[in-house]
C-alpha atoms as a PDB file:
ATOM      1  CA  UNK A   1     -39.772  76.835  23.795  1.00  0.00           C
ATOM      2  CA  UNK A   2     -38.347  79.242  21.230  1.00  0.00           C
ATOM      3  CA  UNK A   3     -40.145  81.190  18.514  1.00  0.00           C
ATOM      4  CA  UNK A   4     -37.314  83.328  17.082  1.00  0.00           C
ATOM      5  CA  UNK A   5     -37.093  81.763  13.644  1.00  0.00           C
ATOM      6  CA  UNK A   6     -40.870  81.486  13.352  1.00  0.00           C
ATOM      7  CA  UNK A   7     -41.158  85.236  13.973  1.00  0.00           C
ATOM      8  CA  UNK A   8     -38.794  85.974  11.094  1.00  0.00           C
ATOM      9  CA  UNK A   9     -41.138  84.292   8.618  1.00  0.00           C
ATOM     10  CA  UNK A  10     -44.364  85.179  10.441  1.00  0.00           C
ATOM     11  CA  UNK A  11     -44.384  88.712  11.853  1.00  0.00           C
ATOM     12  CA  UNK A  12     -48.026  88.058  12.824  1.00  0.00           C
ATOM     13  CA  UNK A  13     -47.170  84.792  14.596  1.00  0.00           C
ATOM     14  CA  UNK A  14     -49.389  85.388  17.633  1.00  0.00           C
ATOM     15  CA  UNK A  15     -52.450  85.943  15.442  1.00  0.00           C
ATOM     16  CA  UNK A  16     -51.653  82.876  13.338  1.00  0.00           C
ATOM     17  CA  UNK A  17     -51.314  80.699  16.451  1.00  0.00           C
ATOM     18  CA  UNK A  18     -54.580  82.019  17.910  1.00  0.00           C
ATOM     19  CA  UNK A  19     -56.468  81.311  14.684  1.00  0.00           C
ATOM     20  CA  UNK A  20     -54.760  78.014  13.903  1.00  0.00           C
ATOM     21  CA  UNK A  21     -53.692  79.546  10.589  1.00  0.00           C
ATOM     22  CA  UNK A  22     -50.875  78.080   8.505  1.00  0.00           C
ATOM     23  CA  UNK A  23     -47.361  79.409   9.040  1.00  0.00           C
ATOM     24  CA  UNK A  24     -45.033  80.733   6.365  1.00  0.00           C
ATOM     25  CA  UNK A  25     -42.069  78.458   5.791  1.00  0.00           C
ATOM     26  CA  UNK A  26     -38.739  79.977   6.771  1.00  0.00           C
ATOM     27  CA  UNK A  27     -36.225  80.383   3.968  1.00  0.00           C
ATOM     28  CA  UNK A  28     -33.014  79.728   5.898  1.00  0.00           C
ATOM     29  CA  UNK A  29     -30.878  80.864   2.944  1.00  0.00           C
ATOM     30  CA  UNK A  30     -32.002  84.462   3.535  1.00  0.00           C
ATOM     31  CA  UNK A  31     -31.026  84.633   7.223  1.00  0.00           C
ATOM     32  CA  UNK A  32     -28.036  86.864   8.006  1.00  0.00           C
ATOM     33  CA  UNK A  33     -27.721  88.356   4.536  1.00  0.00           C
ATOM     34  CA  UNK A  34     -26.615  91.896   3.789  1.00  0.00           C
ATOM     35  CA  UNK A  35     -30.044  93.045   2.608  1.00  0.00           C
ATOM     36  CA  UNK A  36     -33.617  92.860   3.876  1.00  0.00           C
ATOM     37  CA  UNK A  37     -34.675  89.916   1.698  1.00  0.00           C
ATOM     38  CA  UNK A  38     -36.167  87.248   3.921  1.00  0.00           C
ATOM     39  CA  UNK A  39     -37.009  89.685   6.701  1.00  0.00           C
ATOM     40  CA  UNK A  40     -39.590  91.983   5.134  1.00  0.00           C
ATOM     41  CA  UNK A  41     -40.989  90.039   2.188  1.00  0.00           C
ATOM     42  CA  UNK A  42     -42.955  87.251   3.856  1.00  0.00           C
ATOM     43  CA  UNK A  43     -46.720  87.568   3.308  1.00  0.00           C
ATOM     44  CA  UNK A  44     -48.879  88.527   6.262  1.00  0.00           C
ATOM     45  CA  UNK A  45     -51.916  86.521   7.259  1.00  0.00           C
ATOM     46  CA  UNK A  46     -54.127  89.235   5.755  1.00  0.00           C
ATOM     47  CA  UNK A  47     -52.302  88.899   2.414  1.00  0.00           C
ATOM     48  CA  UNK A  48     -52.586  85.116   2.455  1.00  0.00           C
ATOM     49  CA  UNK A  49     -56.328  85.098   3.192  1.00  0.00           C
ATOM     50  CA  UNK A  50     -57.378  88.044   1.010  1.00  0.00           C
ATOM     51  CA  UNK A  51     -59.807  87.124  -1.711  1.00  0.00           C
ATOM     52  CA  UNK A  52     -59.170  88.318  -5.261  1.00  0.00           C
ATOM     53  CA  UNK A  53     -61.119  91.408  -6.240  1.00  0.00           C
ATOM     54  CA  UNK A  54     -63.926  90.941  -8.711  1.00  0.00           C
ATOM     55  CA  UNK A  55     -63.007  91.947 -12.222  1.00  0.00           C
ATOM     56  CA  UNK A  56     -59.282  91.922 -11.504  1.00  0.00           C
END
């Protein structure tokens, strides 16, 4: 079993698998580009589950 591509889109993959949390979809068009887009801009599980602040 291979997890390489899943790790690109989900740097917190182990935590997501343990919790049964949804995975970020991989944007294959950003793999092997000359910049960091697609490697550092996927939301973390904490970002995805954070609740909006009151009054924001």
